[in-house]
């Protein structure tokens, strides 16, 4: 693709090396033709630089995807440089904001579970890379920033979490997910009643524990005898 930036149509005649300007019958001046200057070489250098920057961007995106829990796109059309800086300052260390073209992000995620991001790769996007399991806390700073700056039109374009795509209307599910601490608390709560019963039994006098065990063994024997009859 880069090579095509420097090529000329085959129907175009080759450039002249110089032009002869005649001021009077006895005087002529040879002036180098502008087309013989080093424009093709300059274009080639620029194309190489552009290609290098693209490759660096793709590599940066791939690096951010390592140990990433969620990637979200943000419509950033109309953002000022100061707004970008303020947003970066508001984000926690576990979240990275990166501005990259959709085509380059698409190339970086190709063949990975993050390829599900492609439905939101339209328009101008900035990308949030979340490197923490606490998803609501990672998304909250942008919501606060969006409200403070009155950026209603600059909403989330979409996100991928655990291989699933979430559109703009699905973000409530991400923003209201329970934290790890809340999940652990619910899990412990569901186990609390059986655990209390077990601890109570173990804390009973030894004689009572023996009686409970004997009753349990007798029950098993009765059930076994009934099954053989």
C-alpha atoms as a PDB file:
ATOM      1  CA  UNK A   1       0.000   0.000   0.000  1.00  0.00           C
ATOM      2  CA  UNK A   2       2.827   2.348   0.894  1.00  0.00           C
ATOM      3  CA  UNK A   3       4.486   1.746  -2.459  1.00  0.00           C
ATOM      4  CA  UNK A   4       1.403   2.974  -4.261  1.00  0.00           C
ATOM      5  CA  UNK A   5       1.800   6.331  -2.553  1.00  0.00           C
ATOM      6  CA  UNK A   6       4.982   6.910  -4.561  1.00  0.00           C
ATOM      7  CA  UNK A   7       3.999   5.446  -7.937  1.00  0.00           C
ATOM      8  CA  UNK A   8       2.891   7.353 -11.025  1.00  0.00           C
ATOM      9  CA  UNK A   9       0.323   6.300 -13.650  1.00  0.00           C
ATOM     10  CA  UNK A  10       1.965   4.373 -16.482  1.00  0.00           C
ATOM     11  CA  UNK A  11       0.284   6.629 -19.056  1.00  0.00           C
ATOM     12  CA  UNK A  12       2.104   9.662 -17.742  1.00  0.00           C
ATOM     13  CA  UNK A  13       5.219  10.602 -19.774  1.00  0.00           C
ATOM     14  CA  UNK A  14       8.560  10.513 -17.965  1.00  0.00           C
ATOM     15  CA  UNK A  15       9.573  13.840 -16.399  1.00  0.00           C
ATOM     16  CA  UNK A  16      11.982  16.108 -18.212  1.00  0.00           C
ATOM     17  CA  UNK A  17      15.332  16.643 -16.561  1.00  0.00           C
ATOM     18  CA  UNK A  18      15.406  20.371 -17.381  1.00  0.00           C
ATOM     19  CA  UNK A  19      13.506  23.181 -19.036  1.00  0.00           C
ATOM     20  CA  UNK A  20      15.020  25.681 -21.447  1.00  0.00           C
ATOM     21  CA  UNK A  21      13.745  29.206 -21.054  1.00  0.00           C
ATOM     22  CA  UNK A  22      14.546  31.547 -23.941  1.00  0.00           C
ATOM     23  CA  UNK A  23      14.577  35.204 -22.986  1.00  0.00           C
ATOM     24  CA  UNK A  24      16.042  36.458 -26.251  1.00  0.00           C
ATOM     25  CA  UNK A  25      17.287  34.891 -29.488  1.00  0.00           C
ATOM     26  CA  UNK A  26      20.822  34.818 -28.184  1.00  0.00           C
ATOM     27  CA  UNK A  27      20.175  33.846 -24.532  1.00  0.00           C
ATOM     28  CA  UNK A  28      18.752  30.644 -23.048  1.00  0.00           C
ATOM     29  CA  UNK A  29      18.625  29.436 -19.420  1.00  0.00           C
ATOM     30  CA  UNK A  30      18.438  25.806 -18.363  1.00  0.00           C
ATOM     31  CA  UNK A  31      16.265  25.341 -15.256  1.00  0.00           C
ATOM     32  CA  UNK A  32      15.898  21.894 -13.606  1.00  0.00           C
ATOM     33  CA  UNK A  33      12.399  20.522 -13.996  1.00  0.00           C
ATOM     34  CA  UNK A  34      10.643  20.358 -10.580  1.00  0.00           C
ATOM     35  CA  UNK A  35       9.560  16.808 -11.368  1.00  0.00           C
ATOM     36  CA  UNK A  36      13.219  15.758 -11.352  1.00  0.00           C
ATOM     37  CA  UNK A  37      13.683  16.883  -7.749  1.00  0.00           C
ATOM     38  CA  UNK A  38      13.741  14.367  -4.874  1.00  0.00           C
ATOM     39  CA  UNK A  39       9.997  14.194  -4.301  1.00  0.00           C
ATOM     40  CA  UNK A  40       9.747  10.411  -4.848  1.00  0.00           C
ATOM     41  CA  UNK A  41      12.519   9.812  -2.322  1.00  0.00           C
ATOM     42  CA  UNK A  42      10.875  12.100   0.235  1.00  0.00           C
ATOM     43  CA  UNK A  43       7.550  10.331  -0.281  1.00  0.00           C
ATOM     44  CA  UNK A  44       9.227   6.962   0.224  1.00  0.00           C
ATOM     45  CA  UNK A  45      10.793   8.125   3.493  1.00  0.00           C
ATOM     46  CA  UNK A  46       7.458   9.469   4.728  1.00  0.00           C
ATOM     47  CA  UNK A  47       5.725   6.213   3.803  1.00  0.00           C
ATOM     48  CA  UNK A  48       8.363   4.242   5.732  1.00  0.00           C
ATOM     49  CA  UNK A  49       7.914   6.456   8.793  1.00  0.00           C
ATOM     50  CA  UNK A  50       4.132   6.075   8.616  1.00  0.00           C
ATOM     51  CA  UNK A  51       4.447   2.310   8.320  1.00  0.00           C
ATOM     52  CA  UNK A  52       6.769   2.201  11.330  1.00  0.00           C
ATOM     53  CA  UNK A  53       4.338   4.252  13.431  1.00  0.00           C
ATOM     54  CA  UNK A  54       1.483   1.942  12.469  1.00  0.00           C
ATOM     55  CA  UNK A  55       3.488  -1.118  13.464  1.00  0.00           C
ATOM     56  CA  UNK A  56       4.377   0.517  16.789  1.00  0.00           C
ATOM     57  CA  UNK A  57       0.716   1.305  17.463  1.00  0.00           C
ATOM     58  CA  UNK A  58      -0.337  -2.279  16.730  1.00  0.00           C
ATOM     59  CA  UNK A  59       2.412  -3.560  19.035  1.00  0.00           C
ATOM     60  CA  UNK A  60       1.287  -1.157  21.781  1.00  0.00           C
ATOM     61  CA  UNK A  61      -2.312  -2.355  21.536  1.00  0.00           C
ATOM     62  CA  UNK A  62      -1.213  -5.997  21.687  1.00  0.00           C
ATOM     63  CA  UNK A  63       0.852  -5.204  24.764  1.00  0.00           C
ATOM     64  CA  UNK A  64      -2.149  -3.582  26.457  1.00  0.00           C
ATOM     65  CA  UNK A  65      -4.261  -6.666  25.747  1.00  0.00           C
ATOM     66  CA  UNK A  66      -1.994  -8.764  27.947  1.00  0.00           C
ATOM     67  CA  UNK A  67      -3.671  -9.488  31.300  1.00  0.00           C
ATOM     68  CA  UNK A  68      -6.562  -7.263  30.231  1.00  0.00           C
ATOM     69  CA  UNK A  69     -10.046  -7.886  31.625  1.00  0.00           C
ATOM     70  CA  UNK A  70     -12.044  -5.413  29.537  1.00  0.00           C
ATOM     71  CA  UNK A  71     -11.539  -3.170  26.513  1.00  0.00           C
ATOM     72  CA  UNK A  72     -13.974  -0.320  25.842  1.00  0.00           C
ATOM     73  CA  UNK A  73     -14.215   2.221  23.035  1.00  0.00           C
ATOM     74  CA  UNK A  74     -15.108   5.873  23.720  1.00  0.00           C
ATOM     75  CA  UNK A  75     -16.363   8.352  21.124  1.00  0.00           C
ATOM     76  CA  UNK A  76     -13.854  11.161  21.432  1.00  0.00           C
ATOM     77  CA  UNK A  77     -14.824  13.459  18.544  1.00  0.00           C
ATOM     78  CA  UNK A  78     -14.548  17.045  19.765  1.00  0.00           C
ATOM     79  CA  UNK A  79     -12.232  16.303  22.685  1.00  0.00           C
ATOM     80  CA  UNK A  80      -9.565  18.906  23.394  1.00  0.00           C
ATOM     81  CA  UNK A  81      -5.994  18.072  24.331  1.00  0.00           C
ATOM     82  CA  UNK A  82      -6.670  19.320  27.858  1.00  0.00           C
ATOM     83  CA  UNK A  83      -9.721  17.089  28.170  1.00  0.00           C
ATOM     84  CA  UNK A  84      -7.655  14.071  27.166  1.00  0.00           C
ATOM     85  CA  UNK A  85      -5.059  14.971  29.772  1.00  0.00           C
ATOM     86  CA  UNK A  86      -7.680  15.535  32.471  1.00  0.00           C
ATOM     87  CA  UNK A  87      -9.280  12.184  31.660  1.00  0.00           C
ATOM     88  CA  UNK A  88      -5.955  10.363  31.837  1.00  0.00           C
ATOM     89  CA  UNK A  89      -5.283  11.973  35.214  1.00  0.00           C
ATOM     90  CA  UNK A  90      -8.683  10.817  36.492  1.00  0.00           C
ATOM     91  CA  UNK A  91      -8.145   7.166  35.573  1.00  0.00           C
ATOM     92  CA  UNK A  92      -6.658   4.700  38.073  1.00  0.00           C
ATOM     93  CA  UNK A  93      -3.305   3.074  37.388  1.00  0.00           C
ATOM     94  CA  UNK A  94      -5.071  -0.136  36.365  1.00  0.00           C
ATOM     95  CA  UNK A  95      -6.736   1.590  33.383  1.00  0.00           C
ATOM     96  CA  UNK A  96      -4.933   2.860  30.271  1.00  0.00           C
ATOM     97  CA  UNK A  97      -6.369   5.319  27.734  1.00  0.00           C
ATOM     98  CA  UNK A  98      -5.032   4.973  24.198  1.00  0.00           C
ATOM     99  CA  UNK A  99      -6.003   6.829  21.026  1.00  0.00           C
ATOM    100  CA  UNK A 100      -5.603   4.619  17.965  1.00  0.00           C
ATOM    101  CA  UNK A 101      -7.271   4.196  14.597  1.00  0.00           C
ATOM    102  CA  UNK A 102      -9.930   1.533  14.330  1.00  0.00           C
ATOM    103  CA  UNK A 103      -8.028  -0.236  11.564  1.00  0.00           C
ATOM    104  CA  UNK A 104      -4.916  -0.608  13.714  1.00  0.00           C
ATOM    105  CA  UNK A 105      -6.863  -1.808  16.747  1.00  0.00           C
ATOM    106  CA  UNK A 106      -8.696  -4.216  14.468  1.00  0.00           C
ATOM    107  CA  UNK A 107      -5.385  -5.577  13.234  1.00  0.00           C
ATOM    108  CA  UNK A 108      -4.124  -6.009  16.804  1.00  0.00           C
ATOM    109  CA  UNK A 109      -7.203  -7.944  17.971  1.00  0.00           C
ATOM    110  CA  UNK A 110      -7.527 -10.082  14.864  1.00  0.00           C
ATOM    111  CA  UNK A 111      -7.704 -13.778  15.699  1.00  0.00           C
ATOM    112  CA  UNK A 112      -8.212 -13.136  19.438  1.00  0.00           C
ATOM    113  CA  UNK A 113     -11.321 -13.067  21.676  1.00  0.00           C
ATOM    114  CA  UNK A 114     -11.053  -9.267  21.534  1.00  0.00           C
ATOM    115  CA  UNK A 115     -12.041  -9.412  17.872  1.00  0.00           C
ATOM    116  CA  UNK A 116     -15.610  -9.091  19.157  1.00  0.00           C
ATOM    117  CA  UNK A 117     -14.863  -5.340  19.421  1.00  0.00           C
ATOM    118  CA  UNK A 118     -15.275  -4.865  15.665  1.00  0.00           C
ATOM    119  CA  UNK A 119     -18.966  -3.805  15.787  1.00  0.00           C
ATOM    120  CA  UNK A 120     -17.963  -0.573  17.563  1.00  0.00           C
ATOM    121  CA  UNK A 121     -15.008   0.248  15.302  1.00  0.00           C
ATOM    122  CA  UNK A 122     -16.708   3.169  13.600  1.00  0.00           C
ATOM    123  CA  UNK A 123     -15.999   6.863  13.856  1.00  0.00           C
ATOM    124  CA  UNK A 124     -13.300   8.239  16.159  1.00  0.00           C
ATOM    125  CA  UNK A 125     -12.563   6.072  19.186  1.00  0.00           C
ATOM    126  CA  UNK A 126     -10.280   6.256  22.173  1.00  0.00           C
ATOM    127  CA  UNK A 127      -9.729   2.918  23.906  1.00  0.00           C
ATOM    128  CA  UNK A 128      -9.827   1.980  27.580  1.00  0.00           C
ATOM    129  CA  UNK A 129      -7.772  -1.049  28.592  1.00  0.00           C
ATOM    130  CA  UNK A 130      -8.866  -2.279  32.026  1.00  0.00           C
ATOM    131  CA  UNK A 131      -6.302  -4.370  33.891  1.00  0.00           C
ATOM    132  CA  UNK A 132      -8.380  -5.102  36.970  1.00  0.00           C
ATOM    133  CA  UNK A 133     -11.307  -7.355  37.828  1.00  0.00           C
ATOM    134  CA  UNK A 134     -13.117  -4.444  39.469  1.00  0.00           C
ATOM    135  CA  UNK A 135     -14.955  -3.398  36.304  1.00  0.00           C
ATOM    136  CA  UNK A 136     -17.465  -0.872  37.759  1.00  0.00           C
ATOM    137  CA  UNK A 137     -14.705   1.012  39.576  1.00  0.00           C
ATOM    138  CA  UNK A 138     -12.680   1.124  36.346  1.00  0.00           C
ATOM    139  CA  UNK A 139     -15.559   2.579  34.294  1.00  0.00           C
ATOM    140  CA  UNK A 140     -16.813   5.024  36.928  1.00  0.00           C
ATOM    141  CA  UNK A 141     -14.087   7.689  36.389  1.00  0.00           C
ATOM    142  CA  UNK A 142     -15.130   8.193  32.771  1.00  0.00           C
ATOM    143  CA  UNK A 143     -18.801   8.424  33.698  1.00  0.00           C
ATOM    144  CA  UNK A 144     -17.934  11.124  36.216  1.00  0.00           C
ATOM    145  CA  UNK A 145     -15.723  12.915  33.682  1.00  0.00           C
ATOM    146  CA  UNK A 146     -18.454  12.685  31.036  1.00  0.00           C
ATOM    147  CA  UNK A 147     -20.979  14.261  33.402  1.00  0.00           C
ATOM    148  CA  UNK A 148     -18.656  17.033  34.598  1.00  0.00           C
ATOM    149  CA  UNK A 149     -17.600  17.981  31.073  1.00  0.00           C
ATOM    150  CA  UNK A 150     -21.176  17.656  29.698  1.00  0.00           C
ATOM    151  CA  UNK A 151     -20.062  15.182  27.031  1.00  0.00           C
ATOM    152  CA  UNK A 152     -23.381  13.433  26.512  1.00  0.00           C
ATOM    153  CA  UNK A 153     -22.548  12.635  22.879  1.00  0.00           C
ATOM    154  CA  UNK A 154     -19.206  11.100  23.808  1.00  0.00           C
ATOM    155  CA  UNK A 155     -20.548   7.851  25.158  1.00  0.00           C
ATOM    156  CA  UNK A 156     -19.051   4.375  25.208  1.00  0.00           C
ATOM    157  CA  UNK A 157     -19.067   2.898  21.714  1.00  0.00           C
ATOM    158  CA  UNK A 158     -18.896  -0.669  23.001  1.00  0.00           C
ATOM    159  CA  UNK A 159     -16.800  -3.056  25.043  1.00  0.00           C
ATOM    160  CA  UNK A 160     -15.718  -6.666  25.291  1.00  0.00           C
ATOM    161  CA  UNK A 161     -15.695  -8.501  28.603  1.00  0.00           C
ATOM    162  CA  UNK A 162     -14.977 -12.226  28.894  1.00  0.00           C
ATOM    163  CA  UNK A 163     -15.252 -12.566  25.121  1.00  0.00           C
ATOM    164  CA  UNK A 164     -18.725 -11.001  24.948  1.00  0.00           C
ATOM    165  CA  UNK A 165     -19.550  -7.733  23.176  1.00  0.00           C
ATOM    166  CA  UNK A 166     -21.482  -5.082  25.091  1.00  0.00           C
ATOM    167  CA  UNK A 167     -23.120  -2.273  23.116  1.00  0.00           C
ATOM    168  CA  UNK A 168     -23.777   1.233  24.487  1.00  0.00           C
ATOM    169  CA  UNK A 169     -27.154   0.109  25.846  1.00  0.00           C
ATOM    170  CA  UNK A 170     -25.583  -2.845  27.669  1.00  0.00           C
ATOM    171  CA  UNK A 171     -23.135  -0.895  29.817  1.00  0.00           C
ATOM    172  CA  UNK A 172     -25.445  -0.821  32.802  1.00  0.00           C
ATOM    173  CA  UNK A 173     -24.768  -4.527  33.257  1.00  0.00           C
ATOM    174  CA  UNK A 174     -21.023  -3.823  33.374  1.00  0.00           C
ATOM    175  CA  UNK A 175     -21.313  -0.780  35.615  1.00  0.00           C
ATOM    176  CA  UNK A 176     -23.467  -2.567  38.196  1.00  0.00           C
ATOM    177  CA  UNK A 177     -21.485  -5.791  38.424  1.00  0.00           C
ATOM    178  CA  UNK A 178     -20.777  -6.836  42.023  1.00  0.00           C
ATOM    179  CA  UNK A 179     -17.233  -6.381  43.214  1.00  0.00           C
ATOM    180  CA  UNK A 180     -15.051  -9.311  44.203  1.00  0.00           C
ATOM    181  CA  UNK A 181     -15.620  -8.486  47.874  1.00  0.00           C
ATOM    182  CA  UNK A 182     -19.392  -8.513  47.369  1.00  0.00           C
ATOM    183  CA  UNK A 183     -19.216 -11.880  45.560  1.00  0.00           C
ATOM    184  CA  UNK A 184     -17.175 -13.368  48.413  1.00  0.00           C
ATOM    185  CA  UNK A 185     -19.619 -11.984  50.979  1.00  0.00           C
ATOM    186  CA  UNK A 186     -22.593 -13.590  49.198  1.00  0.00           C
ATOM    187  CA  UNK A 187     -20.707 -16.870  48.898  1.00  0.00           C
ATOM    188  CA  UNK A 188     -19.879 -16.902  52.584  1.00  0.00           C
ATOM    189  CA  UNK A 189     -23.467 -16.021  53.403  1.00  0.00           C
ATOM    190  CA  UNK A 190     -24.765 -18.984  51.436  1.00  0.00           C
ATOM    191  CA  UNK A 191     -22.414 -21.269  53.361  1.00  0.00           C
ATOM    192  CA  UNK A 192     -22.990 -19.670  56.727  1.00  0.00           C
ATOM    193  CA  UNK A 193     -25.961 -21.785  57.935  1.00  0.00           C
ATOM    194  CA  UNK A 194     -24.422 -25.229  57.236  1.00  0.00           C
ATOM    195  CA  UNK A 195     -21.136 -24.002  58.677  1.00  0.00           C
ATOM    196  CA  UNK A 196     -22.812 -22.882  61.905  1.00  0.00           C
ATOM    197  CA  UNK A 197     -24.528 -26.252  62.263  1.00  0.00           C
ATOM    198  CA  UNK A 198     -21.240 -28.070  61.778  1.00  0.00           C
ATOM    199  CA  UNK A 199     -19.384 -25.886  64.276  1.00  0.00           C
ATOM    200  CA  UNK A 200     -22.185 -26.316  66.843  1.00  0.00           C
ATOM    201  CA  UNK A 201     -21.966 -30.084  66.517  1.00  0.00           C
ATOM    202  CA  UNK A 202     -18.187 -30.114  66.885  1.00  0.00           C
ATOM    203  CA  UNK A 203     -18.367 -27.862  69.949  1.00  0.00           C
ATOM    204  CA  UNK A 204     -20.867 -30.181  71.713  1.00  0.00           C
ATOM    205  CA  UNK A 205     -19.665 -32.539  74.491  1.00  0.00           C
ATOM    206  CA  UNK A 206     -17.892 -35.690  73.311  1.00  0.00           C
ATOM    207  CA  UNK A 207     -20.794 -37.914  74.537  1.00  0.00           C
ATOM    208  CA  UNK A 208     -23.273 -36.027  72.328  1.00  0.00           C
ATOM    209  CA  UNK A 209     -21.000 -36.272  69.299  1.00  0.00           C
ATOM    210  CA  UNK A 210     -20.724 -40.050  69.815  1.00  0.00           C
ATOM    211  CA  UNK A 211     -24.501 -40.364  70.063  1.00  0.00           C
ATOM    212  CA  UNK A 212     -24.946 -38.420  66.830  1.00  0.00           C
ATOM    213  CA  UNK A 213     -22.425 -40.637  65.055  1.00  0.00           C
ATOM    214  CA  UNK A 214     -24.074 -43.836  66.386  1.00  0.00           C
ATOM    215  CA  UNK A 215     -27.478 -42.672  65.222  1.00  0.00           C
ATOM    216  CA  UNK A 216     -26.078 -41.881  61.794  1.00  0.00           C
ATOM    217  CA  UNK A 217     -24.401 -45.317  61.516  1.00  0.00           C
ATOM    218  CA  UNK A 218     -27.633 -47.052  62.603  1.00  0.00           C
ATOM    219  CA  UNK A 219     -29.558 -45.152  59.946  1.00  0.00           C
ATOM    220  CA  UNK A 220     -27.104 -46.229  57.270  1.00  0.00           C
ATOM    221  CA  UNK A 221     -27.381 -49.869  58.397  1.00  0.00           C
ATOM    222  CA  UNK A 222     -31.169 -49.750  58.300  1.00  0.00           C
ATOM    223  CA  UNK A 223     -31.164 -48.252  54.832  1.00  0.00           C
ATOM    224  CA  UNK A 224     -28.654 -50.842  53.652  1.00  0.00           C
ATOM    225  CA  UNK A 225     -30.749 -53.730  55.113  1.00  0.00           C
ATOM    226  CA  UNK A 226     -33.912 -52.435  53.499  1.00  0.00           C
ATOM    227  CA  UNK A 227     -32.188 -52.274  50.152  1.00  0.00           C
ATOM    228  CA  UNK A 228     -31.107 -55.965  50.313  1.00  0.00           C
ATOM    229  CA  UNK A 229     -34.586 -57.324  51.185  1.00  0.00           C
END
